[in-house]
Amino acid sequence: YALAHLHGHGIVHQDLKPDNILITESGEIKLIDFGISRYPEEEEEGILKTRKAGTPGYMSPEQKEHPESVSYNADIFSLGMIAYELYLGKLCHGVIMLGSIPQPLRDVFTKALAIDPEKRYADIIDFIADISGYL
């Protein structure tokens, strides 16, 4: 939901990874480290220079190849990777093998982790709904 809040305000985080998600003693989840976050609209207006930044194991393919075209679904890819690792109970270092994942959850991960950003979730709310539906 923190990501939905950011996206709702036009911000792409660009560095979602487990180290940037904190759980407080009361169980609240906090998203941190906005050092490379940006507004995609500013890129289009030429305000920001192209820069390659993020954590490789969690970066979407387009973020690695074309950082100037990163959009909200790049964050969705990163969150999908984090969710995949949470399900596995271990780090996967960017290697995705969905064969042993139950089919309904595999469908969610397949869409969240699609190489082609056009085939990925376009909105984080849809990803949240599908994960919640599985749970």
Protein backbone atom coordinates (compact mmCIF):
# COMPACT_ATOMS: atom_id res chain seq x y z
CA TYR A 1 0.00 0.00 0.00
CA ALA A 2 2.97 2.32 0.51
CA LEU A 3 3.80 1.79 -3.14
CA ALA A 4 0.19 2.56 -4.10
CA HIS A 5 0.52 5.81 -2.15
CA LEU A 6 3.75 6.73 -3.96
CA HIS A 7 2.35 5.86 -7.38
CA GLY A 8 -0.80 7.81 -6.57
CA HIS A 9 1.41 10.85 -6.09
CA GLY A 10 3.31 10.23 -9.33
CA ILE A 11 6.49 8.85 -7.74
CA VAL A 12 8.49 5.81 -8.89
CA HIS A 13 10.64 4.45 -6.02
CA GLN A 14 13.22 2.73 -8.33
CA ASP A 15 15.02 0.83 -5.54
CA LEU A 16 12.55 -1.53 -3.90
CA LYS A 17 14.40 -4.30 -2.08
CA PRO A 18 14.09 -6.03 1.30
CA ASP A 19 16.63 -3.65 2.87
CA ASN A 20 14.29 -0.73 2.09
CA ILE A 21 11.26 -2.26 3.81
CA LEU A 22 11.16 -2.00 7.59
CA ILE A 23 8.74 -3.61 10.03
CA THR A 24 8.29 -1.68 13.26
CA GLU A 25 7.86 -3.29 16.68
CA SER A 26 4.12 -2.63 16.38
CA GLY A 27 4.02 -4.45 13.02
CA GLU A 28 3.73 -1.39 10.77
CA ILE A 29 5.54 -1.62 7.44
CA LYS A 30 7.64 1.36 6.40
CA LEU A 31 9.15 1.97 2.98
CA ILE A 32 12.45 3.88 3.11
CA ASP A 33 15.29 5.19 0.92
CA PHE A 34 13.87 7.57 -1.63
CA GLY A 35 17.31 8.72 -2.79
CA ILE A 36 16.74 7.75 -6.43
CA SER A 37 12.94 8.06 -6.52
CA ARG A 38 11.58 10.29 -9.25
CA TYR A 39 8.57 11.62 -11.06
CA PRO A 40 8.43 9.99 -14.53
CA GLU A 41 6.80 13.14 -15.94
CA GLU A 42 9.95 15.14 -15.11
CA GLU A 43 12.02 12.76 -17.22
CA GLU A 44 9.74 13.40 -20.15
CA GLU A 45 10.16 17.15 -19.68
CA GLY A 46 13.93 16.75 -19.71
CA ILE A 47 14.39 17.88 -16.12
CA LEU A 48 16.27 14.74 -15.05
CA LYS A 49 19.31 13.21 -16.69
CA THR A 50 19.30 9.51 -17.55
CA ARG A 51 20.90 7.50 -14.80
CA LYS A 52 21.22 3.84 -14.09
CA ALA A 53 20.52 3.24 -10.43
CA GLY A 54 18.95 0.58 -8.26
CA THR A 55 19.80 -2.85 -6.91
CA PRO A 56 20.50 -5.31 -9.76
CA GLY A 57 18.76 -8.36 -8.25
CA TYR A 58 15.51 -6.41 -7.93
CA MET A 59 15.66 -4.12 -10.97
CA SER A 60 13.26 -4.69 -13.83
CA PRO A 61 14.83 -5.56 -17.19
CA GLU A 62 13.89 -2.16 -18.64
CA GLN A 63 15.42 -0.38 -15.65
CA LYS A 64 18.71 -2.14 -16.36
CA GLU A 65 18.61 -1.45 -20.11
CA HIS A 66 16.76 1.86 -20.45
CA PRO A 67 16.65 3.71 -17.13
CA GLU A 68 15.16 6.73 -18.84
CA SER A 69 11.95 4.81 -19.56
CA VAL A 70 11.30 3.43 -16.08
CA SER A 71 7.70 3.68 -14.98
CA TYR A 72 5.46 2.41 -12.20
CA ASN A 73 5.48 -1.17 -13.42
CA ALA A 74 9.25 -1.31 -12.81
CA ASP A 75 8.42 -0.95 -9.10
CA ILE A 76 5.82 -3.70 -9.53
CA PHE A 77 8.53 -5.99 -10.94
CA SER A 78 10.71 -5.27 -7.90
CA LEU A 79 7.87 -5.91 -5.48
CA GLY A 80 7.04 -9.11 -7.36
CA MET A 81 10.64 -10.25 -6.86
CA ILE A 82 10.41 -9.49 -3.14
CA ALA A 83 7.10 -11.39 -2.86
CA TYR A 84 8.61 -14.33 -4.75
CA GLU A 85 11.55 -14.44 -2.34
CA LEU A 86 9.18 -14.21 0.63
CA TYR A 87 7.28 -17.21 -0.70
CA LEU A 88 10.53 -19.16 -1.25
CA GLY A 89 11.90 -18.14 2.14
CA LYS A 90 15.28 -17.32 0.64
CA LEU A 91 17.05 -14.91 -1.69
CA CYS A 92 16.93 -15.88 -5.37
CA HIS A 93 19.54 -13.37 -6.66
CA GLY A 94 17.38 -12.55 -9.68
CA VAL A 95 16.86 -16.20 -10.74
CA ILE A 96 13.17 -16.93 -11.21
CA MET A 97 11.96 -20.53 -11.36
CA LEU A 98 8.19 -20.73 -11.02
CA GLY A 99 7.72 -24.47 -11.66
CA SER A 100 7.10 -25.45 -8.03
CA ILE A 101 4.85 -22.48 -7.21
CA PRO A 102 1.10 -23.26 -6.89
CA GLN A 103 -0.69 -22.30 -10.12
CA PRO A 104 -2.80 -19.40 -8.80
CA LEU A 105 0.26 -17.76 -7.24
CA ARG A 106 2.40 -18.67 -10.27
CA ASP A 107 -0.03 -16.68 -12.42
CA VAL A 108 0.45 -13.63 -10.16
CA PHE A 109 4.26 -13.95 -10.21
CA THR A 110 4.30 -14.55 -13.97
CA LYS A 111 2.46 -11.29 -14.53
CA ALA A 112 4.39 -9.26 -11.93
CA LEU A 113 7.76 -10.53 -13.17
CA ALA A 114 7.06 -10.38 -16.91
CA ILE A 115 10.11 -9.32 -18.92
CA ASP A 116 7.94 -7.18 -21.19
CA PRO A 117 6.60 -4.26 -19.11
CA GLU A 118 3.46 -4.18 -21.29
CA LYS A 119 2.57 -7.68 -20.00
CA ARG A 120 3.18 -6.74 -16.38
CA TYR A 121 0.62 -5.31 -13.98
CA ALA A 122 -0.05 -1.72 -15.00
CA ASP A 123 -1.30 -0.74 -11.55
CA ILE A 124 -0.04 -1.81 -8.13
CA ILE A 125 -3.64 -2.08 -6.88
CA ASP A 126 -4.26 -4.95 -9.32
CA PHE A 127 -1.15 -6.74 -8.02
CA ILE A 128 -2.29 -6.21 -4.41
CA ALA A 129 -5.76 -7.53 -5.27
CA ASP A 130 -4.38 -10.68 -6.89
CA ILE A 131 -1.97 -11.40 -4.01
CA SER A 132 -4.77 -10.76 -1.50
CA GLY A 133 -7.06 -13.05 -3.50
CA TYR A 134 -4.49 -15.82 -3.31
CA LEU A 135 -3.98 -15.35 0.43
